[in-house]
Amino acid sequence: MIPDEATRLAALQRGEIDIAYSIRGELAEQLKRTPGLTIKAAVGSAPFWLYFPEQWDPKSPWHDQRVRQAVSLAIDRKTMNEALTLGHCHLTGSVFPENFDFYWQPPEPQYDPARAKKLLAQAGFPTASTLAIIAAMPPTPISARSALNNLREVGIRVRLRPLGTGRLLQRLFGKEAEEHRAGSVRCVRQRRDTRRSLRCKGGTCAYGSYPDIDALFAEQATEMDHAKRTALLHRLQQLVHEKNIYAPIWQNALLSGVGRRVGQSGFGLIEGFPYTAPFEDLTLKRQGIGYETAHGRRHARNGRAWPHPRVHCDSGSALASAFCNSDLVVFKVGVTHDGPCPAAAL
C-alpha cells in the first residue's frame, strides 16, 4: 500500500510497480511527460457534491435556497477539473451517476460569482460570513479545498475538516451537526443507494426531506411500467436539482499511471468502474512465450520467459491475498489508502 501520490508515481517511474492508481494535478502532468508511461482516465460511478444538511432548519442560513444556489454558482468546476484531473471528470450537474438507469440530465452547471454575491446579499449576507464547515473524506479533500477557495471569493468563509471514512460515515448515519457553526456542508462521494439514503424520508443519512420528493420515490417503487417509472424518476431528479439540495461538482474520473510492461491495463473495460478489471483480460506486453507465477515458479515455452513480475498490492485486501496465494501472474500495483483498490492479476 502506497498512500502518497508522489511516492506512487516515483515507484512507477522506477519500474517498481506496473500500475499506480490515483495520480492527479501536477503529478498527472509529470506522468504524461515520462517516456514509456501512459496515463489512463476512467470515469467511475461516483459523483462528488456538497451537501447542505441544515437546509431543513429554519434558523440556519442554509434554509434559504438562495444561499445554496449561490454556493453552486460560486464553484468553478471547469478550472478545478482541468487542474486536478486534466479535464477528464464529467461536469454533469447531477448528484446521480450518469451511467445509472433512469438518469435525467440537468442543465449544464454555471459558474457565475457575480450572481452568487448578489444572491447572498439578497439573503442577508452582503459581507463575508462564516457559514460552513466542509467535512470531506479521502480522497476528496483536494477537490473540497478547491471548492473552499471558490466560496471564499464570493464572501463565504469556510473551513475544511478532513475526516476518515469511518468518522464521516458515523456523522452521516448519526446525523450529527457541526459544533458552533451556523451551517455545515459536506463534500462526499456517491456510491450505492443513489436515490434514498440522503434524499428521502427514512433514508440512512437523510437530515430531512421534501414531501413531494418522498411521494415520487414511494410511487416509483411500485410502478411496473418502465415509461411511467422513468417519468417519475426524472421528475424526482428534477426536483432535487430545482431545490438546490446539493451543489454538484462532477462525476469523478480516476487518473492512473500504467508502466512499460503492461499490455492491456483493464481501465475502462467495465463502464463506471475506474480500476483495473476484469482480471482475466489484463496482460503484460509479449516479450516471449511463457509466464511466472506469484510463487516465483517459472513457466516457459521455447526456452523463453516473461520478466519477473514482483507482487505489490494492498495486503489488507482479502481479494489481493487470494491472488497472492494462487498460481497467477500478479502485476505490481500501487494502491491508495481508501476505496476498493484490488490487486491486478492475470
Protein backbone atom coordinates (compact mmCIF):
# COMPACT_ATOMS: atom_id res chain seq x y z
CA MET A 1 0.00 0.00 0.00
CA ILE A 2 1.42 3.40 -1.03
CA PRO A 3 -0.80 6.20 0.37
CA ASP A 4 1.21 9.11 -1.05
CA GLU A 5 0.63 10.03 -4.70
CA ALA A 6 4.15 11.32 -5.32
CA THR A 7 5.63 8.10 -3.91
CA ARG A 8 3.33 6.00 -6.12
CA LEU A 9 4.44 7.95 -9.19
CA ALA A 10 8.11 7.62 -8.28
CA ALA A 11 7.72 3.85 -7.85
CA LEU A 12 6.03 3.65 -11.26
CA GLN A 13 8.79 5.67 -12.91
CA ARG A 14 11.46 3.40 -11.41
CA GLY A 15 9.64 0.29 -12.57
CA GLU A 16 8.99 -0.94 -9.05
CA ILE A 17 5.26 -1.15 -9.78
CA ASP A 18 3.32 -1.55 -13.02
CA ILE A 19 0.12 0.35 -12.24
CA ALA A 20 -0.40 3.33 -9.94
CA TYR A 21 -3.93 4.36 -9.02
CA SER A 22 -4.95 7.99 -8.48
CA ILE A 23 -2.35 10.39 -9.88
CA ARG A 24 -3.75 13.94 -10.03
CA GLY A 25 -2.84 17.52 -10.83
CA GLU A 26 0.81 18.39 -11.44
CA LEU A 27 1.82 14.78 -10.84
CA ALA A 28 -0.50 13.71 -13.67
CA GLU A 29 1.20 16.22 -15.96
CA GLN A 30 4.57 14.80 -14.91
CA LEU A 31 3.30 11.30 -15.62
CA LYS A 32 2.27 12.32 -19.15
CA ARG A 33 5.76 13.65 -19.83
CA THR A 34 7.54 10.49 -18.67
CA PRO A 35 8.67 8.35 -21.65
CA GLY A 36 7.26 4.85 -21.64
CA LEU A 37 4.48 5.58 -19.14
CA THR A 38 0.87 6.21 -20.05
CA ILE A 39 -1.99 7.82 -18.18
CA LYS A 40 -5.40 6.19 -18.12
CA ALA A 41 -8.56 8.11 -17.23
CA ALA A 42 -11.60 6.08 -16.20
CA VAL A 43 -14.84 7.75 -15.16
CA GLY A 44 -16.43 5.91 -12.26
CA SER A 45 -19.93 5.91 -10.80
CA ALA A 46 -19.14 8.40 -8.03
CA PRO A 47 -20.49 11.94 -8.35
CA PHE A 48 -18.89 14.44 -5.98
CA TRP A 49 -21.06 17.12 -4.42
CA LEU A 50 -21.58 19.46 -1.50
CA TYR A 51 -24.47 18.58 0.80
CA PHE A 52 -26.31 21.07 2.99
CA PRO A 53 -27.63 19.03 5.94
CA GLU A 54 -29.05 22.06 7.78
CA GLN A 55 -31.32 23.27 4.98
CA TRP A 56 -34.33 21.97 6.92
CA ASP A 57 -33.50 24.09 9.98
CA PRO A 58 -35.38 27.44 9.73
CA LYS A 59 -32.69 29.10 11.88
CA SER A 60 -29.87 28.06 9.56
CA PRO A 61 -28.66 30.25 6.66
CA TRP A 62 -28.79 27.13 4.50
CA HIS A 63 -32.57 27.10 4.90
CA ASP A 64 -32.61 29.95 2.36
CA GLN A 65 -32.41 28.40 -1.11
CA ARG A 66 -30.62 31.49 -2.42
CA VAL A 67 -27.61 30.69 -0.21
CA ARG A 68 -27.43 27.12 -1.50
CA GLN A 69 -27.80 28.33 -5.06
CA ALA A 70 -25.02 30.87 -4.50
CA VAL A 71 -22.66 28.08 -3.45
CA SER A 72 -23.31 26.19 -6.67
CA LEU A 73 -22.78 29.30 -8.79
CA ALA A 74 -19.52 30.06 -6.97
CA ILE A 75 -17.81 26.76 -7.86
CA ASP A 76 -15.51 26.98 -10.88
CA ARG A 77 -15.87 23.35 -11.91
CA LYS A 78 -14.16 23.65 -15.27
CA THR A 79 -10.95 25.12 -13.81
CA MET A 80 -10.95 22.56 -10.98
CA ASN A 81 -11.44 19.76 -13.49
CA GLU A 82 -8.56 20.88 -15.69
CA ALA A 83 -6.25 21.39 -12.71
CA LEU A 84 -6.95 18.15 -10.86
CA THR A 85 -7.95 15.58 -13.48
CA LEU A 86 -6.76 17.21 -16.74
CA GLY A 87 -10.40 17.74 -17.74
CA HIS A 88 -11.46 14.10 -17.56
CA CYS A 89 -14.24 14.41 -14.95
CA HIS A 90 -17.75 14.75 -16.34
CA LEU A 91 -19.47 18.00 -15.34
CA THR A 92 -22.96 16.53 -15.33
CA GLY A 93 -24.57 18.99 -12.90
CA SER A 94 -26.19 15.99 -11.19
CA VAL A 95 -25.69 14.06 -7.96
CA PHE A 96 -26.94 10.91 -9.70
CA PRO A 97 -24.46 8.83 -11.74
CA GLU A 98 -24.95 9.41 -15.44
CA ASN A 99 -24.37 5.72 -16.20
CA PHE A 100 -27.28 4.58 -13.99
CA ASP A 101 -30.69 3.65 -15.31
CA PHE A 102 -33.38 6.37 -15.29
CA TYR A 103 -30.78 9.15 -15.32
CA TRP A 104 -32.09 12.66 -16.01
CA GLN A 105 -29.66 15.16 -17.48
CA PRO A 106 -29.98 18.56 -15.76
CA PRO A 107 -28.88 21.85 -17.32
CA GLU A 108 -25.15 22.46 -17.54
CA PRO A 109 -23.82 23.84 -14.23
CA GLN A 110 -22.97 27.53 -14.35
CA TYR A 111 -20.05 29.47 -12.88
CA ASP A 112 -21.25 33.00 -12.06
CA PRO A 113 -19.59 34.51 -8.96
CA ALA A 114 -21.23 37.90 -9.54
CA ARG A 115 -24.68 36.36 -9.38
CA ALA A 116 -23.62 34.31 -6.36
CA LYS A 117 -22.67 37.50 -4.49
CA LYS A 118 -25.99 39.08 -5.46
CA LEU A 119 -27.97 36.11 -4.13
CA LEU A 120 -26.02 36.20 -0.87
CA ALA A 121 -26.77 39.90 -0.48
CA GLN A 122 -30.48 39.28 -1.12
CA ALA A 123 -30.40 36.55 1.54
CA GLY A 124 -28.94 38.99 4.07
CA PHE A 125 -25.23 38.19 3.77
CA PRO A 126 -23.76 41.17 1.87
CA THR A 127 -20.35 40.84 3.55
CA ALA A 128 -18.08 37.91 4.29
CA SER A 129 -19.82 35.49 6.64
CA THR A 130 -18.73 32.29 8.32
CA LEU A 131 -21.38 29.87 7.15
CA ALA A 132 -19.83 26.46 6.73
CA ILE A 133 -17.52 23.69 7.63
CA ILE A 134 -16.69 21.32 4.80
CA ALA A 135 -16.15 17.82 6.11
CA ALA A 136 -14.50 15.63 3.49
CA MET A 137 -13.39 12.03 3.43
CA PRO A 138 -10.38 10.69 1.48
CA PRO A 139 -9.58 11.23 -1.29
CA THR A 140 -11.94 14.20 -1.64
CA PRO A 141 -10.10 16.88 0.42
CA ILE A 142 -8.22 18.09 -2.68
CA SER A 143 -11.42 18.85 -4.61
CA ALA A 144 -13.04 20.15 -1.42
CA ARG A 145 -10.14 22.56 -0.91
CA SER A 146 -10.60 23.93 -4.43
CA ALA A 147 -14.30 24.46 -3.81
CA LEU A 148 -13.43 26.11 -0.50
CA ASN A 149 -11.30 28.71 -2.30
CA ASN A 150 -14.15 29.47 -4.70
CA LEU A 151 -16.56 30.03 -1.81
CA ARG A 152 -14.19 32.42 -0.10
CA GLU A 153 -14.00 34.50 -3.27
CA VAL A 154 -17.74 35.26 -3.06
CA GLY A 155 -17.69 36.00 0.66
CA ILE A 156 -18.44 32.65 2.26
CA ARG A 157 -15.84 31.78 4.87
CA VAL A 158 -15.46 28.06 5.19
CA ARG A 159 -13.15 25.68 6.98
CA LEU A 160 -12.06 22.27 5.74
CA ARG A 161 -12.23 19.36 8.15
CA PRO A 162 -10.75 16.21 6.61
CA LEU A 163 -12.29 13.15 8.22
CA GLY A 164 -11.55 9.48 7.87
CA THR A 165 -14.17 7.47 6.04
CA GLY A 166 -15.39 5.85 9.25
CA ARG A 167 -15.76 9.13 11.13
CA LEU A 168 -17.58 10.88 8.30
CA LEU A 169 -19.97 7.98 7.82
CA GLN A 170 -20.55 7.95 11.58
CA ARG A 171 -21.54 11.62 11.37
CA LEU A 172 -23.80 10.98 8.39
CA PHE A 173 -25.50 7.94 9.91
CA GLY A 174 -25.80 9.71 13.25
CA LYS A 175 -26.95 12.91 11.54
CA GLU A 176 -24.52 14.95 13.63
CA ALA A 177 -24.32 18.72 13.14
CA GLU A 178 -21.08 20.68 13.15
CA GLU A 179 -20.33 22.27 16.51
CA HIS A 180 -20.53 26.04 17.00
CA ARG A 181 -21.30 26.80 13.35
CA ALA A 182 -24.25 28.43 11.67
CA GLY A 183 -24.21 25.80 8.98
CA SER A 184 -22.33 22.87 7.59
CA VAL A 185 -21.56 21.50 4.18
CA ARG A 186 -20.26 18.05 3.39
CA CYS A 187 -18.18 17.04 0.40
CA VAL A 188 -18.82 13.36 -0.10
CA ARG A 189 -18.80 10.70 -2.78
CA GLN A 190 -21.84 8.96 -4.16
CA ARG A 191 -21.60 5.18 -4.21
CA ARG A 192 -24.58 2.86 -3.96
CA ASP A 193 -28.06 3.92 -2.82
CA THR A 194 -28.29 6.96 -5.06
CA ARG A 195 -31.93 7.89 -4.56
CA ARG A 196 -32.96 7.36 -0.98
CA SER A 197 -30.11 7.46 1.54
CA LEU A 198 -29.68 11.25 1.53
CA ARG A 199 -32.82 12.41 -0.23
CA CYS A 200 -35.96 10.79 1.16
CA LYS A 201 -37.67 10.40 4.50
CA GLY A 202 -36.26 7.43 6.35
CA GLY A 203 -33.04 7.48 4.35
CA THR A 204 -29.98 6.22 6.20
CA CYS A 205 -28.19 9.58 6.03
CA ALA A 206 -31.13 11.94 5.40
CA TYR A 207 -31.14 15.01 7.65
CA GLY A 208 -34.54 15.95 6.25
CA SER A 209 -36.74 15.52 3.20
CA TYR A 210 -39.33 17.18 1.00
CA PRO A 211 -42.85 15.71 0.80
CA ASP A 212 -43.11 15.93 -3.00
CA ILE A 213 -39.84 14.03 -3.43
CA ASP A 214 -40.89 11.46 -0.81
CA ALA A 215 -44.16 10.90 -2.67
CA LEU A 216 -42.42 10.41 -6.01
CA PHE A 217 -39.95 7.94 -4.51
CA ALA A 218 -42.76 5.87 -2.96
CA GLU A 219 -44.76 5.93 -6.20
CA GLN A 220 -41.88 4.85 -8.45
CA ALA A 221 -41.01 1.98 -6.13
CA THR A 222 -44.27 0.21 -7.02
CA GLU A 223 -44.60 1.33 -10.65
CA MET A 224 -44.14 -1.60 -13.06
CA ASP A 225 -44.49 0.33 -16.32
CA HIS A 226 -41.00 1.32 -17.46
CA ALA A 227 -42.03 4.52 -19.22
CA LYS A 228 -44.09 5.72 -16.27
CA ARG A 229 -41.34 4.88 -13.81
CA THR A 230 -38.84 6.75 -15.98
CA ALA A 231 -41.06 9.83 -15.91
CA LEU A 232 -41.43 9.63 -12.13
CA LEU A 233 -37.69 9.29 -11.52
CA HIS A 234 -36.90 12.07 -13.99
CA ARG A 235 -39.28 14.34 -12.11
CA LEU A 236 -37.70 13.32 -8.80
CA GLN A 237 -34.23 14.22 -10.06
CA GLN A 238 -35.54 17.46 -11.48
CA LEU A 239 -36.94 18.46 -8.08
CA VAL A 240 -33.62 17.61 -6.39
CA HIS A 241 -31.96 19.94 -8.87
CA GLU A 242 -34.52 22.75 -8.60
CA LYS A 243 -34.47 22.78 -4.79
CA ASN A 244 -30.65 23.01 -4.67
CA ILE A 245 -30.48 20.22 -2.11
CA TYR A 246 -26.88 19.77 -3.22
CA ALA A 247 -24.23 21.65 -5.13
CA PRO A 248 -22.98 19.08 -7.67
CA ILE A 249 -19.29 19.19 -8.55
CA TRP A 250 -18.64 16.38 -11.05
CA GLN A 251 -18.75 12.68 -11.77
CA ASN A 252 -15.26 11.72 -10.78
CA ALA A 253 -12.60 10.36 -13.11
CA LEU A 254 -9.71 8.35 -11.71
CA LEU A 255 -6.36 9.08 -13.35
CA SER A 256 -3.92 6.20 -13.10
CA GLY A 257 -0.47 5.50 -14.42
CA VAL A 258 0.44 2.43 -16.45
CA GLY A 259 4.01 1.17 -16.67
CA ARG A 260 6.12 0.00 -19.56
CA ARG A 261 5.45 -3.74 -19.19
CA VAL A 262 1.66 -3.58 -19.24
CA GLY A 263 -0.26 -4.54 -22.36
CA GLN A 264 -3.98 -4.41 -21.52
CA SER A 265 -4.38 -2.49 -18.27
CA GLY A 266 -8.11 -3.11 -17.91
CA PHE A 267 -9.02 0.54 -17.29
CA GLY A 268 -12.37 1.44 -18.84
CA LEU A 269 -13.34 -2.10 -19.80
CA ILE A 270 -16.23 -2.06 -17.31
CA GLU A 271 -18.43 1.03 -17.53
CA GLY A 272 -18.49 3.00 -14.30
CA PHE A 273 -15.62 1.01 -12.72
CA PRO A 274 -12.46 3.15 -12.52
CA TYR A 275 -9.99 0.40 -11.57
CA THR A 276 -8.30 -2.47 -13.42
CA ALA A 277 -10.78 -5.19 -14.36
CA PRO A 278 -11.77 -7.80 -15.35
CA PHE A 279 -8.65 -9.55 -14.12
CA GLU A 280 -8.69 -12.23 -16.79
CA ASP A 281 -8.32 -9.59 -19.53
CA LEU A 282 -5.20 -7.93 -18.11
CA THR A 283 -1.98 -8.66 -19.99
CA LEU A 284 1.71 -7.91 -19.97
CA LYS A 285 3.40 -6.94 -23.21
CA ARG A 286 4.58 -10.01 -25.06
CA GLN A 287 8.31 -10.49 -24.52
CA GLY A 288 8.45 -14.23 -25.03
CA ILE A 289 6.06 -17.11 -24.62
CA GLY A 290 5.52 -18.02 -21.00
CA TYR A 291 4.76 -16.53 -17.62
CA GLU A 292 5.83 -16.56 -14.00
CA THR A 293 3.55 -17.34 -11.10
CA ALA A 294 3.12 -15.36 -7.92
CA HIS A 295 5.17 -18.05 -6.14
CA GLY A 296 8.13 -17.42 -8.44
CA ARG A 297 7.88 -20.72 -10.37
CA ARG A 298 8.97 -20.03 -13.93
CA HIS A 299 6.91 -21.46 -16.75
CA ALA A 300 8.18 -21.03 -20.29
CA ARG A 301 7.83 -22.42 -23.76
CA ASN A 302 10.59 -22.44 -26.35
CA GLY A 303 13.07 -21.59 -23.66
CA ARG A 304 11.82 -18.02 -23.13
CA ALA A 305 10.01 -16.48 -20.19
CA TRP A 306 8.28 -13.29 -19.11
CA PRO A 307 10.16 -10.76 -16.98
CA HIS A 308 9.78 -11.35 -13.26
CA PRO A 309 6.54 -9.65 -12.07
CA ARG A 310 7.14 -8.94 -8.40
CA VAL A 311 3.99 -8.53 -6.33
CA HIS A 312 2.96 -5.17 -4.89
CA CYS A 313 -0.62 -4.96 -3.75
CA ASP A 314 -2.93 -3.95 -0.93
CA SER A 315 -2.09 -6.59 1.66
CA GLY A 316 -5.24 -5.67 3.59
CA SER A 317 -7.48 -6.85 0.78
CA ALA A 318 -8.83 -10.37 1.05
CA LEU A 319 -9.11 -10.43 -2.73
CA ALA A 320 -5.48 -9.41 -3.13
CA SER A 321 -4.44 -12.06 -0.61
CA ALA A 322 -6.26 -14.70 -2.61
CA PHE A 323 -4.39 -13.69 -5.74
CA CYS A 324 -1.02 -13.62 -3.97
CA ASN A 325 -1.55 -17.18 -2.79
CA SER A 326 -2.51 -18.60 -6.17
CA ASP A 327 -0.63 -19.64 -9.31
CA LEU A 328 -1.38 -16.38 -11.12
CA VAL A 329 0.84 -13.72 -12.58
CA VAL A 330 0.35 -10.72 -10.34
CA PHE A 331 1.09 -7.21 -11.53
CA LYS A 332 2.79 -4.78 -9.19
CA VAL A 333 0.08 -2.27 -8.37
CA GLY A 334 0.45 0.91 -6.33
CA VAL A 335 -2.81 1.48 -4.49
CA THR A 336 -4.31 4.28 -2.43
CA HIS A 337 -5.37 4.16 1.21
CA ASP A 338 -9.08 4.47 0.53
CA GLY A 339 -11.67 2.73 -1.56
CA PRO A 340 -11.77 -0.63 -3.33
CA CYS A 341 -8.30 -0.99 -4.87
CA PRO A 342 -7.87 -4.68 -5.66
CA ALA A 343 -4.62 -6.16 -6.89
CA ALA A 344 -4.47 -6.61 -10.62
CA ALA A 345 -3.81 -10.15 -11.77
CA LEU A 346 -3.65 -12.17 -14.93
